[in-house]
């Protein structure tokens, strides 16, 4: 069964798109010659994603261990925190539907102000019940 693998490269001192331009042909050509059955590049505002599909995990491990691939992965704009290699499709391949916004909690969940005229009507009705009629006081 085929499996997808992703290499995410984030912008660093230089943009990740420049790295993809420099190493993209080498990485994709090496992947195809070493058993990849599909591949794709995705550009994002934060960097690039290189997705590869191999027939089995051993083909992916052989591809990853090639010196040309290791050299390309070491040449990313930020080699310490600017690269993520993992199994599965990458980038924004999450749910097909956007998440619905949740209600705010805490101070952001304040209720709407109540109309004051309804309070004035309520108070006049209550004060008329509490005060005795003028005839009873005489």
C-alpha atoms as a PDB file:
ATOM      1  CA  UNK A   1       0.000   0.000   0.000  1.00  0.00           C
ATOM      2  CA  UNK A   2       1.392   3.400  -0.936  1.00  0.00           C
ATOM      3  CA  UNK A   3       2.175   6.047   1.679  1.00  0.00           C
ATOM      4  CA  UNK A   4       2.589   9.810   1.530  1.00  0.00           C
ATOM      5  CA  UNK A   5       5.494  11.606   3.177  1.00  0.00           C
ATOM      6  CA  UNK A   6       6.061  15.351   3.566  1.00  0.00           C
ATOM      7  CA  UNK A   7       9.002  17.684   3.877  1.00  0.00           C
ATOM      8  CA  UNK A   8       7.999  21.124   5.156  1.00  0.00           C
ATOM      9  CA  UNK A   9      10.581  23.890   4.850  1.00  0.00           C
ATOM     10  CA  UNK A  10       9.988  27.214   6.599  1.00  0.00           C
ATOM     11  CA  UNK A  11      11.338  30.610   5.619  1.00  0.00           C
ATOM     12  CA  UNK A  12      14.534  31.627   7.359  1.00  0.00           C
ATOM     13  CA  UNK A  13      17.262  34.080   6.438  1.00  0.00           C
ATOM     14  CA  UNK A  14      16.343  33.370   2.829  1.00  0.00           C
ATOM     15  CA  UNK A  15      12.875  32.365   1.617  1.00  0.00           C
ATOM     16  CA  UNK A  16      12.062  28.669   1.370  1.00  0.00           C
ATOM     17  CA  UNK A  17      10.911  29.230  -2.206  1.00  0.00           C
ATOM     18  CA  UNK A  18      14.530  30.019  -3.170  1.00  0.00           C
ATOM     19  CA  UNK A  19      15.588  26.708  -1.584  1.00  0.00           C
ATOM     20  CA  UNK A  20      12.817  24.925  -3.532  1.00  0.00           C
ATOM     21  CA  UNK A  21      14.007  26.539  -6.765  1.00  0.00           C
ATOM     22  CA  UNK A  22      17.579  25.429  -6.107  1.00  0.00           C
ATOM     23  CA  UNK A  23      16.895  21.854  -4.942  1.00  0.00           C
ATOM     24  CA  UNK A  24      13.420  21.053  -6.300  1.00  0.00           C
ATOM     25  CA  UNK A  25      14.478  19.418  -9.547  1.00  0.00           C
ATOM     26  CA  UNK A  26      17.135  17.318  -7.827  1.00  0.00           C
ATOM     27  CA  UNK A  27      14.755  16.162  -5.074  1.00  0.00           C
ATOM     28  CA  UNK A  28      11.862  15.323  -7.387  1.00  0.00           C
ATOM     29  CA  UNK A  29      14.071  13.663 -10.026  1.00  0.00           C
ATOM     30  CA  UNK A  30      15.817  11.563  -7.385  1.00  0.00           C
ATOM     31  CA  UNK A  31      12.462  10.614  -5.899  1.00  0.00           C
ATOM     32  CA  UNK A  32      11.078   9.447  -9.247  1.00  0.00           C
ATOM     33  CA  UNK A  33      14.199   7.456 -10.031  1.00  0.00           C
ATOM     34  CA  UNK A  34      14.054   5.791  -6.595  1.00  0.00           C
ATOM     35  CA  UNK A  35      10.479   4.536  -6.583  1.00  0.00           C
ATOM     36  CA  UNK A  36       8.221   7.532  -5.966  1.00  0.00           C
ATOM     37  CA  UNK A  37       4.866   7.123  -7.660  1.00  0.00           C
ATOM     38  CA  UNK A  38       3.646  10.702  -7.115  1.00  0.00           C
ATOM     39  CA  UNK A  39       4.967  14.029  -5.831  1.00  0.00           C
ATOM     40  CA  UNK A  40       3.876  17.650  -5.513  1.00  0.00           C
ATOM     41  CA  UNK A  41       5.175  21.024  -4.351  1.00  0.00           C
ATOM     42  CA  UNK A  42       3.018  23.512  -2.441  1.00  0.00           C
ATOM     43  CA  UNK A  43       3.955  27.119  -1.733  1.00  0.00           C
ATOM     44  CA  UNK A  44       2.597  28.850   1.360  1.00  0.00           C
ATOM     45  CA  UNK A  45       3.105  32.218   3.006  1.00  0.00           C
ATOM     46  CA  UNK A  46       5.393  30.596   5.581  1.00  0.00           C
ATOM     47  CA  UNK A  47       7.412  28.309   3.255  1.00  0.00           C
ATOM     48  CA  UNK A  48       7.047  25.262   0.995  1.00  0.00           C
ATOM     49  CA  UNK A  49       5.856  21.673   1.308  1.00  0.00           C
ATOM     50  CA  UNK A  50       7.241  18.802  -0.771  1.00  0.00           C
ATOM     51  CA  UNK A  51       4.922  15.781  -0.719  1.00  0.00           C
ATOM     52  CA  UNK A  52       6.049  12.358  -1.942  1.00  0.00           C
ATOM     53  CA  UNK A  53       4.182   9.094  -2.388  1.00  0.00           C
ATOM     54  CA  UNK A  54       6.142   5.831  -2.245  1.00  0.00           C
ATOM     55  CA  UNK A  55       4.964   2.278  -2.703  1.00  0.00           C
ATOM     56  CA  UNK A  56       6.337   1.200   0.706  1.00  0.00           C
ATOM     57  CA  UNK A  57       8.231   2.532   3.731  1.00  0.00           C
ATOM     58  CA  UNK A  58      11.521   0.953   2.631  1.00  0.00           C
ATOM     59  CA  UNK A  59      11.542   3.025  -0.568  1.00  0.00           C
ATOM     60  CA  UNK A  60      11.048   6.190   1.507  1.00  0.00           C
ATOM     61  CA  UNK A  61      13.893   5.237   3.845  1.00  0.00           C
ATOM     62  CA  UNK A  62      16.188   4.526   0.878  1.00  0.00           C
ATOM     63  CA  UNK A  63      15.279   7.902  -0.623  1.00  0.00           C
ATOM     64  CA  UNK A  64      15.873   9.716   2.656  1.00  0.00           C
ATOM     65  CA  UNK A  65      19.294   8.105   3.124  1.00  0.00           C
ATOM     66  CA  UNK A  66      20.650   9.240  -0.266  1.00  0.00           C
ATOM     67  CA  UNK A  67      23.507  11.746  -0.002  1.00  0.00           C
ATOM     68  CA  UNK A  68      21.924  14.194  -2.448  1.00  0.00           C
ATOM     69  CA  UNK A  69      18.734  14.262  -0.364  1.00  0.00           C
ATOM     70  CA  UNK A  70      20.690  14.688   2.878  1.00  0.00           C
ATOM     71  CA  UNK A  71      22.658  17.572   1.336  1.00  0.00           C
ATOM     72  CA  UNK A  72      19.454  19.281   0.190  1.00  0.00           C
ATOM     73  CA  UNK A  73      17.831  18.887   3.619  1.00  0.00           C
ATOM     74  CA  UNK A  74      20.909  20.338   5.321  1.00  0.00           C
ATOM     75  CA  UNK A  75      20.805  23.364   3.001  1.00  0.00           C
ATOM     76  CA  UNK A  76      17.369  24.632   4.104  1.00  0.00           C
ATOM     77  CA  UNK A  77      17.215  28.321   5.126  1.00  0.00           C
ATOM     78  CA  UNK A  78      16.955  27.447   8.849  1.00  0.00           C
ATOM     79  CA  UNK A  79      18.453  23.971   9.478  1.00  0.00           C
ATOM     80  CA  UNK A  80      17.641  23.929  13.218  1.00  0.00           C
ATOM     81  CA  UNK A  81      13.954  24.809  13.342  1.00  0.00           C
ATOM     82  CA  UNK A  82      13.012  25.364   9.706  1.00  0.00           C
ATOM     83  CA  UNK A  83      12.347  21.810   8.544  1.00  0.00           C
ATOM     84  CA  UNK A  84       9.857  19.090   9.440  1.00  0.00           C
ATOM     85  CA  UNK A  85       9.897  15.632   7.829  1.00  0.00           C
ATOM     86  CA  UNK A  86       6.985  13.334   8.595  1.00  0.00           C
ATOM     87  CA  UNK A  87       4.627  10.679   7.300  1.00  0.00           C
ATOM     88  CA  UNK A  88       1.400  11.899   5.681  1.00  0.00           C
ATOM     89  CA  UNK A  89       0.340  14.797   3.525  1.00  0.00           C
ATOM     90  CA  UNK A  90       1.472  18.188   4.693  1.00  0.00           C
ATOM     91  CA  UNK A  91       0.677  21.848   4.805  1.00  0.00           C
ATOM     92  CA  UNK A  92      -3.028  22.534   4.983  1.00  0.00           C
ATOM     93  CA  UNK A  93      -4.335  19.049   4.312  1.00  0.00           C
ATOM     94  CA  UNK A  94      -6.557  19.005   7.377  1.00  0.00           C
ATOM     95  CA  UNK A  95     -10.319  18.827   7.388  1.00  0.00           C
ATOM     96  CA  UNK A  96     -12.121  19.685   4.198  1.00  0.00           C
ATOM     97  CA  UNK A  97     -14.530  21.983   6.006  1.00  0.00           C
ATOM     98  CA  UNK A  98     -13.415  24.995   8.043  1.00  0.00           C
ATOM     99  CA  UNK A  99     -13.936  24.857  11.770  1.00  0.00           C
ATOM    100  CA  UNK A 100     -16.890  26.799  13.102  1.00  0.00           C
ATOM    101  CA  UNK A 101     -16.065  29.595  15.525  1.00  0.00           C
ATOM    102  CA  UNK A 102     -16.665  28.681  19.143  1.00  0.00           C
ATOM    103  CA  UNK A 103     -18.359  31.020  21.597  1.00  0.00           C
ATOM    104  CA  UNK A 104     -15.994  33.212  23.524  1.00  0.00           C
ATOM    105  CA  UNK A 105     -15.390  32.424  27.153  1.00  0.00           C
ATOM    106  CA  UNK A 106     -14.399  34.830  29.883  1.00  0.00           C
ATOM    107  CA  UNK A 107     -14.556  38.557  29.379  1.00  0.00           C
ATOM    108  CA  UNK A 108     -15.205  38.228  25.661  1.00  0.00           C
ATOM    109  CA  UNK A 109     -18.549  36.529  26.299  1.00  0.00           C
ATOM    110  CA  UNK A 110     -20.337  39.522  27.811  1.00  0.00           C
ATOM    111  CA  UNK A 111     -24.060  39.630  27.218  1.00  0.00           C
ATOM    112  CA  UNK A 112     -25.666  42.402  25.247  1.00  0.00           C
ATOM    113  CA  UNK A 113     -26.960  45.380  27.240  1.00  0.00           C
ATOM    114  CA  UNK A 114     -30.639  45.249  28.140  1.00  0.00           C
ATOM    115  CA  UNK A 115     -32.925  48.047  26.993  1.00  0.00           C
ATOM    116  CA  UNK A 116     -33.396  50.586  29.846  1.00  0.00           C
ATOM    117  CA  UNK A 117     -36.945  51.563  28.982  1.00  0.00           C
ATOM    118  CA  UNK A 118     -38.204  48.133  30.026  1.00  0.00           C
ATOM    119  CA  UNK A 119     -36.575  48.630  33.460  1.00  0.00           C
ATOM    120  CA  UNK A 120     -38.271  52.020  33.862  1.00  0.00           C
ATOM    121  CA  UNK A 121     -41.658  50.438  33.179  1.00  0.00           C
ATOM    122  CA  UNK A 122     -40.875  47.702  35.680  1.00  0.00           C
ATOM    123  CA  UNK A 123     -39.890  50.166  38.408  1.00  0.00           C
ATOM    124  CA  UNK A 124     -42.963  52.340  37.987  1.00  0.00           C
ATOM    125  CA  UNK A 125     -45.177  49.282  38.275  1.00  0.00           C
ATOM    126  CA  UNK A 126     -43.381  48.122  41.440  1.00  0.00           C
ATOM    127  CA  UNK A 127     -43.465  51.542  43.129  1.00  0.00           C
ATOM    128  CA  UNK A 128     -47.197  51.843  42.508  1.00  0.00           C
ATOM    129  CA  UNK A 129     -47.721  48.499  44.257  1.00  0.00           C
ATOM    130  CA  UNK A 130     -45.585  49.452  47.257  1.00  0.00           C
ATOM    131  CA  UNK A 131     -47.016  52.910  47.943  1.00  0.00           C
ATOM    132  CA  UNK A 132     -50.437  52.965  49.579  1.00  0.00           C
ATOM    133  CA  UNK A 133     -53.167  54.976  47.890  1.00  0.00           C
ATOM    134  CA  UNK A 134     -53.493  58.599  49.003  1.00  0.00           C
ATOM    135  CA  UNK A 135     -57.047  58.028  50.328  1.00  0.00           C
ATOM    136  CA  UNK A 136     -55.804  55.400  52.792  1.00  0.00           C
ATOM    137  CA  UNK A 137     -53.352  57.864  54.341  1.00  0.00           C
ATOM    138  CA  UNK A 138     -56.006  60.519  55.106  1.00  0.00           C
END
